[in-house]
Amino acid sequence: MIEWVGVAIGGMFGACTRFFITNQINARFKKSFPVATFLINITGAFLLGYVYAAARPNNLVDYWLRSAIGIGFIGAYTTFSTWMFESATLRDRRAVKTMVAYLLASLVVGLFGAWVGSRL
């Protein structure tokens, strides 16, 4: 039961953090490239890599806390659906080069972020 409560609380904080950061970034950058979702997904990949590496056996992170942070907070903080929707919107606006750059950069930098996080 503690795991379910941890995931729910983590999800609430992850969603609120994402909402706050998205608003802050969107207020500072023009909308031609989805900077907010890109940065959120990259930092989320890094954090998830870090959390799961820290939670390996013989480490000090309990399973319920790993679930609360990894599934709850980071799961709500990052978003695949927004990444896909923004990519489709770029396609609809005929910004195909930007769309391809966004998709590829998200994949490459996201994988790198998860790798760096897991190595720390």
PDB file of N, CA and C in Angstrom:
ATOM      1  N   MET A   1       0.815  -1.204   0.000  1.00  0.00           N
ATOM      2  CA  MET A   1       0.000   0.000   0.000  1.00  0.00           C
ATOM      3  C   MET A   1       0.865   1.277   0.000  1.00  0.00           C
ATOM      4  N   ILE A   2       1.977   1.237   0.708  1.00  0.00           N
ATOM      5  CA  ILE A   2       2.840   2.418   0.762  1.00  0.00           C
ATOM      6  C   ILE A   2       3.380   2.775  -0.628  1.00  0.00           C
ATOM      7  N   GLU A   3       3.594   1.749  -1.450  1.00  0.00           N
ATOM      8  CA  GLU A   3       4.071   2.001  -2.810  1.00  0.00           C
ATOM      9  C   GLU A   3       3.023   2.768  -3.619  1.00  0.00           C
ATOM     10  N   TRP A   4       1.761   2.404  -3.505  1.00  0.00           N
ATOM     11  CA  TRP A   4       0.677   3.094  -4.220  1.00  0.00           C
ATOM     12  C   TRP A   4       0.565   4.549  -3.771  1.00  0.00           C
ATOM     13  N   VAL A   5       0.651   4.773  -2.490  1.00  0.00           N
ATOM     14  CA  VAL A   5       0.575   6.143  -1.963  1.00  0.00           C
ATOM     15  C   VAL A   5       1.777   6.950  -2.450  1.00  0.00           C
ATOM     16  N   GLY A   6       2.955   6.338  -2.429  1.00  0.00           N
ATOM     17  CA  GLY A   6       4.150   7.029  -2.911  1.00  0.00           C
ATOM     18  C   GLY A   6       4.049   7.407  -4.378  1.00  0.00           C
ATOM     19  N   VAL A   7       3.534   6.490  -5.200  1.00  0.00           N
ATOM     20  CA  VAL A   7       3.366   6.777  -6.635  1.00  0.00           C
ATOM     21  C   VAL A   7       2.363   7.908  -6.829  1.00  0.00           C
ATOM     22  N   ALA A   8       1.272   7.882  -6.081  1.00  0.00           N
ATOM     23  CA  ALA A   8       0.249   8.934  -6.210  1.00  0.00           C
ATOM     24  C   ALA A   8       0.798  10.300  -5.805  1.00  0.00           C
ATOM     25  N   ILE A   9       1.498  10.359  -4.695  1.00  0.00           N
ATOM     26  CA  ILE A   9       2.065  11.629  -4.237  1.00  0.00           C
ATOM     27  C   ILE A   9       3.168  12.091  -5.191  1.00  0.00           C
ATOM     28  N   GLY A  10       4.022  11.163  -5.605  1.00  0.00           N
ATOM     29  CA  GLY A  10       5.070  11.508  -6.572  1.00  0.00           C
ATOM     30  C   GLY A  10       4.483  12.030  -7.867  1.00  0.00           C
ATOM     31  N   GLY A  11       3.396  11.391  -8.340  1.00  0.00           N
ATOM     32  CA  GLY A  11       2.733  11.832  -9.563  1.00  0.00           C
ATOM     33  C   GLY A  11       2.179  13.243  -9.448  1.00  0.00           C
ATOM     34  N   MET A  12       1.602  13.536  -8.298  1.00  0.00           N
ATOM     35  CA  MET A  12       1.065  14.882  -8.086  1.00  0.00           C
ATOM     36  C   MET A  12       2.184  15.922  -8.175  1.00  0.00           C
ATOM     37  N   PHE A  13       3.286  15.659  -7.489  1.00  0.00           N
ATOM     38  CA  PHE A  13       4.395  16.612  -7.516  1.00  0.00           C
ATOM     39  C   PHE A  13       5.063  16.680  -8.888  1.00  0.00           C
ATOM     40  N   GLY A  14       5.156  15.559  -9.578  1.00  0.00           N
ATOM     41  CA  GLY A  14       5.747  15.554 -10.918  1.00  0.00           C
ATOM     42  C   GLY A  14       4.927  16.365 -11.902  1.00  0.00           C
ATOM     43  N   ALA A  15       3.613  16.180 -11.864  1.00  0.00           N
ATOM     44  CA  ALA A  15       2.732  16.926 -12.766  1.00  0.00           C
ATOM     45  C   ALA A  15       2.787  18.419 -12.473  1.00  0.00           C
ATOM     46  N   CYS A  16       2.780  18.783 -11.200  1.00  0.00           N
ATOM     47  CA  CYS A  16       2.836  20.202 -10.833  1.00  0.00           C
ATOM     48  C   CYS A  16       4.183  20.818 -11.207  1.00  0.00           C
ATOM     49  N   THR A  17       5.254  20.061 -11.026  1.00  0.00           N
ATOM     50  CA  THR A  17       6.580  20.554 -11.403  1.00  0.00           C
ATOM     51  C   THR A  17       6.656  20.779 -12.904  1.00  0.00           C
ATOM     52  N   ARG A  18       6.134  19.821 -13.663  1.00  0.00           N
ATOM     53  CA  ARG A  18       6.130  19.964 -15.124  1.00  0.00           C
ATOM     54  C   ARG A  18       5.315  21.181 -15.555  1.00  0.00           C
ATOM     55  N   PHE A  19       4.158  21.361 -14.972  1.00  0.00           N
ATOM     56  CA  PHE A  19       3.297  22.501 -15.297  1.00  0.00           C
ATOM     57  C   PHE A  19       4.022  23.813 -15.012  1.00  0.00           C
ATOM     58  N   PHE A  20       4.670  23.908 -13.856  1.00  0.00           N
ATOM     59  CA  PHE A  20       5.392  25.118 -13.472  1.00  0.00           C
ATOM     60  C   PHE A  20       6.557  25.392 -14.430  1.00  0.00           C
ATOM     61  N   ILE A  21       7.388  24.379 -14.667  1.00  0.00           N
ATOM     62  CA  ILE A  21       8.563  24.564 -15.532  1.00  0.00           C
ATOM     63  C   ILE A  21       8.139  24.892 -16.967  1.00  0.00           C
ATOM     64  N   THR A  22       7.118  24.214 -17.462  1.00  0.00           N
ATOM     65  CA  THR A  22       6.624  24.503 -18.819  1.00  0.00           C
ATOM     66  C   THR A  22       6.199  25.955 -18.943  1.00  0.00           C
ATOM     67  N   ASN A  23       5.467  26.458 -17.970  1.00  0.00           N
ATOM     68  CA  ASN A  23       5.029  27.860 -18.014  1.00  0.00           C
ATOM     69  C   ASN A  23       6.204  28.819 -17.956  1.00  0.00           C
ATOM     70  N   GLN A  24       7.201  28.508 -17.123  1.00  0.00           N
ATOM     71  CA  GLN A  24       8.376  29.377 -17.008  1.00  0.00           C
ATOM     72  C   GLN A  24       9.175  29.404 -18.312  1.00  0.00           C
ATOM     73  N   ILE A  25       9.387  28.248 -18.899  1.00  0.00           N
ATOM     74  CA  ILE A  25      10.170  28.178 -20.142  1.00  0.00           C
ATOM     75  C   ILE A  25       9.412  28.812 -21.303  1.00  0.00           C
ATOM     76  N   ASN A  26       8.126  28.507 -21.424  1.00  0.00           N
ATOM     77  CA  ASN A  26       7.345  29.061 -22.535  1.00  0.00           C
ATOM     78  C   ASN A  26       7.237  30.581 -22.464  1.00  0.00           C
ATOM     79  N   ALA A  27       7.337  31.143 -21.290  1.00  0.00           N
ATOM     80  CA  ALA A  27       7.296  32.602 -21.153  1.00  0.00           C
ATOM     81  C   ALA A  27       8.595  33.241 -21.649  1.00  0.00           C
ATOM     82  N   ARG A  28       9.656  32.474 -21.745  1.00  0.00           N
ATOM     83  CA  ARG A  28      10.967  33.008 -22.113  1.00  0.00           C
ATOM     84  C   ARG A  28      11.418  32.675 -23.531  1.00  0.00           C
ATOM     85  N   PHE A  29      10.836  31.653 -24.145  1.00  0.00           N
ATOM     86  CA  PHE A  29      11.264  31.219 -25.476  1.00  0.00           C
ATOM     87  C   PHE A  29      10.109  31.311 -26.462  1.00  0.00           C
ATOM     88  N   LYS A  30      10.452  31.631 -27.721  1.00  0.00           N
ATOM     89  CA  LYS A  30       9.412  31.608 -28.737  1.00  0.00           C
ATOM     90  C   LYS A  30       9.035  30.165 -29.044  1.00  0.00           C
ATOM     91  N   LYS A  31       7.913  29.954 -29.665  1.00  0.00           N
ATOM     92  CA  LYS A  31       7.326  28.620 -29.794  1.00  0.00           C
ATOM     93  C   LYS A  31       7.722  27.845 -31.052  1.00  0.00           C
ATOM     94  N   SER A  32       8.753  28.265 -31.777  1.00  0.00           N
ATOM     95  CA  SER A  32       9.095  27.555 -33.007  1.00  0.00           C
ATOM     96  C   SER A  32       9.684  26.173 -32.725  1.00  0.00           C
ATOM     97  N   PHE A  33      10.294  25.994 -31.572  1.00  0.00           N
ATOM     98  CA  PHE A  33      10.842  24.697 -31.149  1.00  0.00           C
ATOM     99  C   PHE A  33      10.294  24.420 -29.757  1.00  0.00           C
ATOM    100  N   PRO A  34       9.778  23.223 -29.503  1.00  0.00           N
ATOM    101  CA  PRO A  34       9.172  22.903 -28.200  1.00  0.00           C
ATOM    102  C   PRO A  34      10.229  22.739 -27.099  1.00  0.00           C
ATOM    103  N   VAL A  35      10.816  23.853 -26.682  1.00  0.00           N
ATOM    104  CA  VAL A  35      11.916  23.843 -25.719  1.00  0.00           C
ATOM    105  C   VAL A  35      11.499  23.216 -24.394  1.00  0.00           C
ATOM    106  N   ALA A  36      10.336  23.575 -23.903  1.00  0.00           N
ATOM    107  CA  ALA A  36       9.906  23.098 -22.581  1.00  0.00           C
ATOM    108  C   ALA A  36       9.808  21.575 -22.530  1.00  0.00           C
ATOM    109  N   THR A  37       9.086  20.978 -23.460  1.00  0.00           N
ATOM    110  CA  THR A  37       8.943  19.519 -23.457  1.00  0.00           C
ATOM    111  C   THR A  37      10.284  18.850 -23.681  1.00  0.00           C
ATOM    112  N   PHE A  38      11.103  19.407 -24.561  1.00  0.00           N
ATOM    113  CA  PHE A  38      12.428  18.845 -24.810  1.00  0.00           C
ATOM    114  C   PHE A  38      13.252  18.814 -23.523  1.00  0.00           C
ATOM    115  N   LEU A  39      13.349  19.942 -22.829  1.00  0.00           N
ATOM    116  CA  LEU A  39      14.154  20.003 -21.605  1.00  0.00           C
ATOM    117  C   LEU A  39      13.571  19.131 -20.494  1.00  0.00           C
ATOM    118  N   ILE A  40      12.264  19.104 -20.386  1.00  0.00           N
ATOM    119  CA  ILE A  40      11.632  18.273 -19.364  1.00  0.00           C
ATOM    120  C   ILE A  40      11.904  16.797 -19.628  1.00  0.00           C
ATOM    121  N   ASN A  41      11.743  16.359 -20.860  1.00  0.00           N
ATOM    122  CA  ASN A  41      11.976  14.945 -21.166  1.00  0.00           C
ATOM    123  C   ASN A  41      13.442  14.562 -21.009  1.00  0.00           C
ATOM    124  N   ILE A  42      14.372  15.450 -21.345  1.00  0.00           N
ATOM    125  CA  ILE A  42      15.794  15.154 -21.196  1.00  0.00           C
ATOM    126  C   ILE A  42      16.160  15.087 -19.716  1.00  0.00           C
ATOM    127  N   THR A  43      15.724  16.055 -18.926  1.00  0.00           N
ATOM    128  CA  THR A  43      16.035  16.005 -17.495  1.00  0.00           C
ATOM    129  C   THR A  43      15.345  14.813 -16.835  1.00  0.00           C
ATOM    130  N   GLY A  44      14.162  14.454 -17.318  1.00  0.00           N
ATOM    131  CA  GLY A  44      13.477  13.275 -16.792  1.00  0.00           C
ATOM    132  C   GLY A  44      14.235  11.994 -17.099  1.00  0.00           C
ATOM    133  N   ALA A  45      14.779  11.877 -18.312  1.00  0.00           N
ATOM    134  CA  ALA A  45      15.575  10.702 -18.680  1.00  0.00           C
ATOM    135  C   ALA A  45      16.815  10.610 -17.791  1.00  0.00           C
ATOM    136  N   PHE A  46      17.458  11.754 -17.573  1.00  0.00           N
ATOM    137  CA  PHE A  46      18.626  11.788 -16.697  1.00  0.00           C
ATOM    138  C   PHE A  46      18.250  11.357 -15.278  1.00  0.00           C
ATOM    139  N   LEU A  47      17.192  11.936 -14.743  1.00  0.00           N
ATOM    140  CA  LEU A  47      16.772  11.611 -13.376  1.00  0.00           C
ATOM    141  C   LEU A  47      16.387  10.147 -13.224  1.00  0.00           C
ATOM    142  N   LEU A  48      15.677   9.605 -14.199  1.00  0.00           N
ATOM    143  CA  LEU A  48      15.273   8.207 -14.120  1.00  0.00           C
ATOM    144  C   LEU A  48      16.489   7.290 -14.163  1.00  0.00           C
ATOM    145  N   GLY A  49      17.450   7.594 -15.019  1.00  0.00           N
ATOM    146  CA  GLY A  49      18.689   6.818 -15.047  1.00  0.00           C
ATOM    147  C   GLY A  49      19.406   6.869 -13.708  1.00  0.00           C
ATOM    148  N   TYR A  50      19.434   8.046 -13.112  1.00  0.00           N
ATOM    149  CA  TYR A  50      20.101   8.223 -11.816  1.00  0.00           C
ATOM    150  C   TYR A  50      19.378   7.464 -10.702  1.00  0.00           C
ATOM    151  N   VAL A  51      18.069   7.599 -10.643  1.00  0.00           N
ATOM    152  CA  VAL A  51      17.277   6.959  -9.586  1.00  0.00           C
ATOM    153  C   VAL A  51      17.387   5.444  -9.660  1.00  0.00           C
ATOM    154  N   TYR A  52      17.240   4.888 -10.852  1.00  0.00           N
ATOM    155  CA  TYR A  52      17.278   3.433 -10.964  1.00  0.00           C
ATOM    156  C   TYR A  52      18.688   2.878 -10.742  1.00  0.00           C
ATOM    157  N   ALA A  53      19.725   3.636 -11.093  1.00  0.00           N
ATOM    158  CA  ALA A  53      21.084   3.185 -10.779  1.00  0.00           C
ATOM    159  C   ALA A  53      21.318   3.247  -9.272  1.00  0.00           C
ATOM    160  N   ALA A  54      20.801   4.274  -8.624  1.00  0.00           N
ATOM    161  CA  ALA A  54      20.959   4.406  -7.172  1.00  0.00           C
ATOM    162  C   ALA A  54      20.160   3.355  -6.417  1.00  0.00           C
ATOM    163  N   ALA A  55      19.128   2.801  -7.037  1.00  0.00           N
ATOM    164  CA  ALA A  55      18.255   1.830  -6.377  1.00  0.00           C
ATOM    165  C   ALA A  55      18.664   0.388  -6.636  1.00  0.00           C
ATOM    166  N   ARG A  56      19.778   0.194  -7.284  1.00  0.00           N
ATOM    167  CA  ARG A  56      20.248  -1.184  -7.521  1.00  0.00           C
ATOM    168  C   ARG A  56      20.467  -1.882  -6.184  1.00  0.00           C
ATOM    169  N   PRO A  57      20.488  -3.216  -6.210  1.00  0.00           N
ATOM    170  CA  PRO A  57      20.734  -3.950  -4.959  1.00  0.00           C
ATOM    171  C   PRO A  57      21.996  -3.458  -4.258  1.00  0.00           C
ATOM    172  N   ASN A  58      21.966  -3.494  -2.960  1.00  0.00           N
ATOM    173  CA  ASN A  58      23.044  -3.034  -2.077  1.00  0.00           C
ATOM    174  C   ASN A  58      23.144  -1.518  -1.990  1.00  0.00           C
ATOM    175  N   ASN A  59      22.178  -0.816  -2.554  1.00  0.00           N
ATOM    176  CA  ASN A  59      22.143   0.632  -2.406  1.00  0.00           C
ATOM    177  C   ASN A  59      21.105   0.993  -1.347  1.00  0.00           C
ATOM    178  N   LEU A  60      21.030   2.261  -1.028  1.00  0.00           N
ATOM    179  CA  LEU A  60      20.217   2.689   0.103  1.00  0.00           C
ATOM    180  C   LEU A  60      18.804   3.146  -0.244  1.00  0.00           C
ATOM    181  N   VAL A  61      18.404   3.066  -1.496  1.00  0.00           N
ATOM    182  CA  VAL A  61      17.073   3.537  -1.891  1.00  0.00           C
ATOM    183  C   VAL A  61      16.078   2.376  -1.808  1.00  0.00           C
ATOM    184  N   ASP A  62      15.064   2.531  -0.980  1.00  0.00           N
ATOM    185  CA  ASP A  62      14.035   1.494  -0.842  1.00  0.00           C
ATOM    186  C   ASP A  62      13.212   1.388  -2.119  1.00  0.00           C
ATOM    187  N   TYR A  63      12.641   0.203  -2.341  1.00  0.00           N
ATOM    188  CA  TYR A  63      11.838  -0.050  -3.540  1.00  0.00           C
ATOM    189  C   TYR A  63      10.654   0.905  -3.634  1.00  0.00           C
ATOM    190  N   TRP A  64       9.954   1.145  -2.535  1.00  0.00           N
ATOM    191  CA  TRP A  64       8.777   2.021  -2.581  1.00  0.00           C
ATOM    192  C   TRP A  64       9.181   3.445  -2.945  1.00  0.00           C
ATOM    193  N   LEU A  65      10.347   3.887  -2.480  1.00  0.00           N
ATOM    194  CA  LEU A  65      10.806   5.243  -2.802  1.00  0.00           C
ATOM    195  C   LEU A  65      11.217   5.332  -4.265  1.00  0.00           C
ATOM    196  N   ARG A  66      11.862   4.280  -4.772  1.00  0.00           N
ATOM    197  CA  ARG A  66      12.211   4.241  -6.189  1.00  0.00           C
ATOM    198  C   ARG A  66      10.949   4.321  -7.045  1.00  0.00           C
ATOM    199  N   SER A  67       9.901   3.611  -6.648  1.00  0.00           N
ATOM    200  CA  SER A  67       8.638   3.661  -7.391  1.00  0.00           C
ATOM    201  C   SER A  67       7.994   5.037  -7.292  1.00  0.00           C
ATOM    202  N   ALA A  68       8.029   5.629  -6.108  1.00  0.00           N
ATOM    203  CA  ALA A  68       7.424   6.955  -5.921  1.00  0.00           C
ATOM    204  C   ALA A  68       8.118   7.992  -6.801  1.00  0.00           C
ATOM    205  N   ILE A  69       9.436   7.921  -6.873  1.00  0.00           N
ATOM    206  CA  ILE A  69      10.188   8.888  -7.675  1.00  0.00           C
ATOM    207  C   ILE A  69      10.140   8.518  -9.156  1.00  0.00           C
ATOM    208  N   GLY A  70      10.462   7.256  -9.479  1.00  0.00           N
ATOM    209  CA  GLY A  70      10.568   6.841 -10.876  1.00  0.00           C
ATOM    210  C   GLY A  70       9.242   6.774 -11.594  1.00  0.00           C
ATOM    211  N   ILE A  71       8.288   6.063 -11.017  1.00  0.00           N
ATOM    212  CA  ILE A  71       6.980   5.907 -11.668  1.00  0.00           C
ATOM    213  C   ILE A  71       6.107   7.120 -11.416  1.00  0.00           C
ATOM    214  N   GLY A  72       6.056   7.566 -10.154  1.00  0.00           N
ATOM    215  CA  GLY A  72       5.179   8.681  -9.794  1.00  0.00           C
ATOM    216  C   GLY A  72       5.675  10.017 -10.306  1.00  0.00           C
ATOM    217  N   PHE A  73       6.761  10.521  -9.690  1.00  0.00           N
ATOM    218  CA  PHE A  73       7.238  11.865 -10.021  1.00  0.00           C
ATOM    219  C   PHE A  73       7.708  11.971 -11.466  1.00  0.00           C
ATOM    220  N   ILE A  74       8.674  11.137 -11.851  1.00  0.00           N
ATOM    221  CA  ILE A  74       9.259  11.262 -13.192  1.00  0.00           C
ATOM    222  C   ILE A  74       8.260  10.850 -14.265  1.00  0.00           C
ATOM    223  N   GLY A  75       7.418   9.858 -13.965  1.00  0.00           N
ATOM    224  CA  GLY A  75       6.385   9.457 -14.922  1.00  0.00           C
ATOM    225  C   GLY A  75       5.408  10.580 -15.227  1.00  0.00           C
ATOM    226  N   ALA A  76       5.052  11.358 -14.219  1.00  0.00           N
ATOM    227  CA  ALA A  76       4.143  12.486 -14.431  1.00  0.00           C
ATOM    228  C   ALA A  76       4.884  13.716 -14.955  1.00  0.00           C
ATOM    229  N   TYR A  77       6.146  13.835 -14.613  1.00  0.00           N
ATOM    230  CA  TYR A  77       6.964  14.978 -15.037  1.00  0.00           C
ATOM    231  C   TYR A  77       7.255  14.935 -16.536  1.00  0.00           C
ATOM    232  N   THR A  78       7.572  13.762 -17.057  1.00  0.00           N
ATOM    233  CA  THR A  78       7.885  13.637 -18.485  1.00  0.00           C
ATOM    234  C   THR A  78       6.625  13.272 -19.263  1.00  0.00           C
ATOM    235  N   THR A  79       6.713  13.388 -20.585  1.00  0.00           N
ATOM    236  CA  THR A  79       5.525  13.082 -21.371  1.00  0.00           C
ATOM    237  C   THR A  79       5.864  12.674 -22.795  1.00  0.00           C
ATOM    238  N   PHE A  80       5.487  11.469 -23.123  1.00  0.00           N
ATOM    239  CA  PHE A  80       5.637  10.980 -24.489  1.00  0.00           C
ATOM    240  C   PHE A  80       4.532  11.559 -25.373  1.00  0.00           C
ATOM    241  N   SER A  81       3.333  11.648 -24.842  1.00  0.00           N
ATOM    242  CA  SER A  81       2.195  12.112 -25.648  1.00  0.00           C
ATOM    243  C   SER A  81       2.389  13.550 -26.113  1.00  0.00           C
ATOM    244  N   THR A  82       2.894  14.415 -25.256  1.00  0.00           N
ATOM    245  CA  THR A  82       3.131  15.798 -25.657  1.00  0.00           C
ATOM    246  C   THR A  82       4.239  15.866 -26.697  1.00  0.00           C
ATOM    247  N   TRP A  83       5.271  15.055 -26.539  1.00  0.00           N
ATOM    248  CA  TRP A  83       6.362  14.993 -27.516  1.00  0.00           C
ATOM    249  C   TRP A  83       5.810  14.638 -28.896  1.00  0.00           C
ATOM    250  N   MET A  84       4.929  13.638 -28.953  1.00  0.00           N
ATOM    251  CA  MET A  84       4.350  13.218 -30.233  1.00  0.00           C
ATOM    252  C   MET A  84       3.394  14.279 -30.787  1.00  0.00           C
ATOM    253  N   PHE A  85       2.584  14.871 -29.918  1.00  0.00           N
ATOM    254  CA  PHE A  85       1.636  15.892 -30.361  1.00  0.00           C
ATOM    255  C   PHE A  85       2.371  17.110 -30.920  1.00  0.00           C
ATOM    256  N   GLU A  86       3.420  17.547 -30.222  1.00  0.00           N
ATOM    257  CA  GLU A  86       4.178  18.701 -30.703  1.00  0.00           C
ATOM    258  C   GLU A  86       4.890  18.377 -32.021  1.00  0.00           C
ATOM    259  N   SER A  87       5.352  17.158 -32.156  1.00  0.00           N
ATOM    260  CA  SER A  87       5.974  16.749 -33.423  1.00  0.00           C
ATOM    261  C   SER A  87       4.955  16.784 -34.561  1.00  0.00           C
ATOM    262  N   ALA A  88       3.748  16.281 -34.316  1.00  0.00           N
ATOM    263  CA  ALA A  88       2.690  16.311 -35.329  1.00  0.00           C
ATOM    264  C   ALA A  88       2.287  17.744 -35.659  1.00  0.00           C
ATOM    265  N   THR A  89       2.273  18.606 -34.654  1.00  0.00           N
ATOM    266  CA  THR A  89       1.942  20.020 -34.887  1.00  0.00           C
ATOM    267  C   THR A  89       2.994  20.679 -35.771  1.00  0.00           C
ATOM    268  N   LEU A  90       4.262  20.383 -35.520  1.00  0.00           N
ATOM    269  CA  LEU A  90       5.326  20.915 -36.387  1.00  0.00           C
ATOM    270  C   LEU A  90       5.144  20.426 -37.820  1.00  0.00           C
ATOM    271  N   ARG A  91       4.789  19.163 -37.973  1.00  0.00           N
ATOM    272  CA  ARG A  91       4.539  18.600 -39.314  1.00  0.00           C
ATOM    273  C   ARG A  91       3.373  19.341 -39.977  1.00  0.00           C
ATOM    274  N   ASP A  92       2.308  19.560 -39.215  1.00  0.00           N
ATOM    275  CA  ASP A  92       1.137  20.253 -39.762  1.00  0.00           C
ATOM    276  C   ASP A  92       1.472  21.677 -40.191  1.00  0.00           C
ATOM    277  N   ARG A  93       2.416  22.306 -39.511  1.00  0.00           N
ATOM    278  CA  ARG A  93       2.842  23.667 -39.864  1.00  0.00           C
ATOM    279  C   ARG A  93       3.901  23.664 -40.961  1.00  0.00           C
ATOM    280  N   ARG A  94       4.183  22.466 -41.466  1.00  0.00           N
ATOM    281  CA  ARG A  94       5.176  22.268 -42.521  1.00  0.00           C
ATOM    282  C   ARG A  94       6.587  22.648 -42.077  1.00  0.00           C
ATOM    283  N   ALA A  95       6.839  22.517 -40.780  1.00  0.00           N
ATOM    284  CA  ALA A  95       8.176  22.745 -40.230  1.00  0.00           C
ATOM    285  C   ALA A  95       8.856  21.383 -40.072  1.00  0.00           C
ATOM    286  N   VAL A  96       9.010  20.706 -41.196  1.00  0.00           N
ATOM    287  CA  VAL A  96       9.491  19.321 -41.187  1.00  0.00           C
ATOM    288  C   VAL A  96      10.926  19.232 -40.663  1.00  0.00           C
ATOM    289  N   LYS A  97      11.779  20.162 -41.042  1.00  0.00           N
ATOM    290  CA  LYS A  97      13.161  20.138 -40.555  1.00  0.00           C
ATOM    291  C   LYS A  97      13.201  20.292 -39.035  1.00  0.00           C
ATOM    292  N   THR A  98      12.407  21.185 -38.511  1.00  0.00           N
ATOM    293  CA  THR A  98      12.340  21.370 -37.058  1.00  0.00           C
ATOM    294  C   THR A  98      11.784  20.127 -36.392  1.00  0.00           C
ATOM    295  N   MET A  99      10.766  19.524 -36.992  1.00  0.00           N
ATOM    296  CA  MET A  99      10.176  18.304 -36.442  1.00  0.00           C
ATOM    297  C   MET A  99      11.216  17.184 -36.376  1.00  0.00           C
ATOM    298  N   VAL A 100      11.939  16.974 -37.455  1.00  0.00           N
ATOM    299  CA  VAL A 100      12.944  15.911 -37.485  1.00  0.00           C
ATOM    300  C   VAL A 100      14.053  16.204 -36.471  1.00  0.00           C
ATOM    301  N   ALA A 101      14.483  17.462 -36.405  1.00  0.00           N
ATOM    302  CA  ALA A 101      15.513  17.838 -35.430  1.00  0.00           C
ATOM    303  C   ALA A 101      15.027  17.581 -34.005  1.00  0.00           C
ATOM    304  N   TYR A 102      13.791  17.924 -33.721  1.00  0.00           N
ATOM    305  CA  TYR A 102      13.193  17.720 -32.394  1.00  0.00           C
ATOM    306  C   TYR A 102      13.125  16.239 -32.048  1.00  0.00           C
ATOM    307  N   LEU A 103      12.634  15.426 -32.968  1.00  0.00           N
ATOM    308  CA  LEU A 103      12.526  13.985 -32.719  1.00  0.00           C
ATOM    309  C   LEU A 103      13.903  13.357 -32.496  1.00  0.00           C
ATOM    310  N   LEU A 104      14.839  13.648 -33.384  1.00  0.00           N
ATOM    311  CA  LEU A 104      16.177  13.053 -33.272  1.00  0.00           C
ATOM    312  C   LEU A 104      16.935  13.564 -32.049  1.00  0.00           C
ATOM    313  N   ALA A 105      16.867  14.867 -31.818  1.00  0.00           N
ATOM    314  CA  ALA A 105      17.565  15.428 -30.652  1.00  0.00           C
ATOM    315  C   ALA A 105      16.994  14.855 -29.359  1.00  0.00           C
ATOM    316  N   SER A 106      15.680  14.697 -29.290  1.00  0.00           N
ATOM    317  CA  SER A 106      15.059  14.127 -28.091  1.00  0.00           C
ATOM    318  C   SER A 106      15.540  12.704 -27.854  1.00  0.00           C
ATOM    319  N   LEU A 107      15.618  11.915 -28.917  1.00  0.00           N
ATOM    320  CA  LEU A 107      16.082  10.532 -28.780  1.00  0.00           C
ATOM    321  C   LEU A 107      17.558  10.469 -28.373  1.00  0.00           C
ATOM    322  N   VAL A 108      18.402  11.175 -29.103  1.00  0.00           N
ATOM    323  CA  VAL A 108      19.845  11.090 -28.862  1.00  0.00           C
ATOM    324  C   VAL A 108      20.207  11.696 -27.510  1.00  0.00           C
ATOM    325  N   VAL A 109      19.750  12.894 -27.253  1.00  0.00           N
ATOM    326  CA  VAL A 109      20.101  13.557 -25.995  1.00  0.00           C
ATOM    327  C   VAL A 109      19.412  12.862 -24.815  1.00  0.00           C
ATOM    328  N   GLY A 110      18.203  12.359 -25.019  1.00  0.00           N
ATOM    329  CA  GLY A 110      17.514  11.622 -23.966  1.00  0.00           C
ATOM    330  C   GLY A 110      18.244  10.352 -23.579  1.00  0.00           C
ATOM    331  N   LEU A 111      18.693   9.591 -24.570  1.00  0.00           N
ATOM    332  CA  LEU A 111      19.475   8.384 -24.285  1.00  0.00           C
ATOM    333  C   LEU A 111      20.781   8.731 -23.576  1.00  0.00           C
ATOM    334  N   PHE A 112      21.419   9.785 -24.023  1.00  0.00           N
ATOM    335  CA  PHE A 112      22.648  10.224 -23.385  1.00  0.00           C
ATOM    336  C   PHE A 112      22.382  10.642 -21.936  1.00  0.00           C
ATOM    337  N   GLY A 113      21.312  11.389 -21.715  1.00  0.00           N
ATOM    338  CA  GLY A 113      20.951  11.802 -20.362  1.00  0.00           C
ATOM    339  C   GLY A 113      20.691  10.625 -19.434  1.00  0.00           C
ATOM    340  N   ALA A 114      19.961   9.621 -19.931  1.00  0.00           N
ATOM    341  CA  ALA A 114      19.699   8.425 -19.115  1.00  0.00           C
ATOM    342  C   ALA A 114      21.007   7.697 -18.811  1.00  0.00           C
ATOM    343  N   TRP A 115      21.896   7.620 -19.785  1.00  0.00           N
ATOM    344  CA  TRP A 115      23.182   6.961 -19.583  1.00  0.00           C
ATOM    345  C   TRP A 115      24.018   7.713 -18.549  1.00  0.00           C
ATOM    346  N   VAL A 116      24.108   9.051 -18.681  1.00  0.00           N
ATOM    347  CA  VAL A 116      24.889   9.851 -17.725  1.00  0.00           C
ATOM    348  C   VAL A 116      24.292   9.703 -16.321  1.00  0.00           C
ATOM    349  N   GLY A 117      22.971   9.799 -16.228  1.00  0.00           N
ATOM    350  CA  GLY A 117      22.333   9.643 -14.923  1.00  0.00           C
ATOM    351  C   GLY A 117      22.621   8.298 -14.294  1.00  0.00           C
ATOM    352  N   SER A 118      22.634   7.251 -15.073  1.00  0.00           N
ATOM    353  CA  SER A 118      22.876   5.922 -14.522  1.00  0.00           C
ATOM    354  C   SER A 118      24.340   5.720 -14.125  1.00  0.00           C
ATOM    355  N   ARG A 119      25.232   6.551 -14.655  1.00  0.00           N
ATOM    356  CA  ARG A 119      26.653   6.421 -14.324  1.00  0.00           C
ATOM    357  C   ARG A 119      27.051   7.247 -13.103  1.00  0.00           C
ATOM    358  N   LEU A 120      26.232   8.205 -12.713  1.00  0.00           N
ATOM    359  CA  LEU A 120      26.596   9.058 -11.565  1.00  0.00           C
ATOM    360  C   LEU A 120      26.486   8.345 -10.267  1.00  0.00           C
TER     361      LEU A 120
END
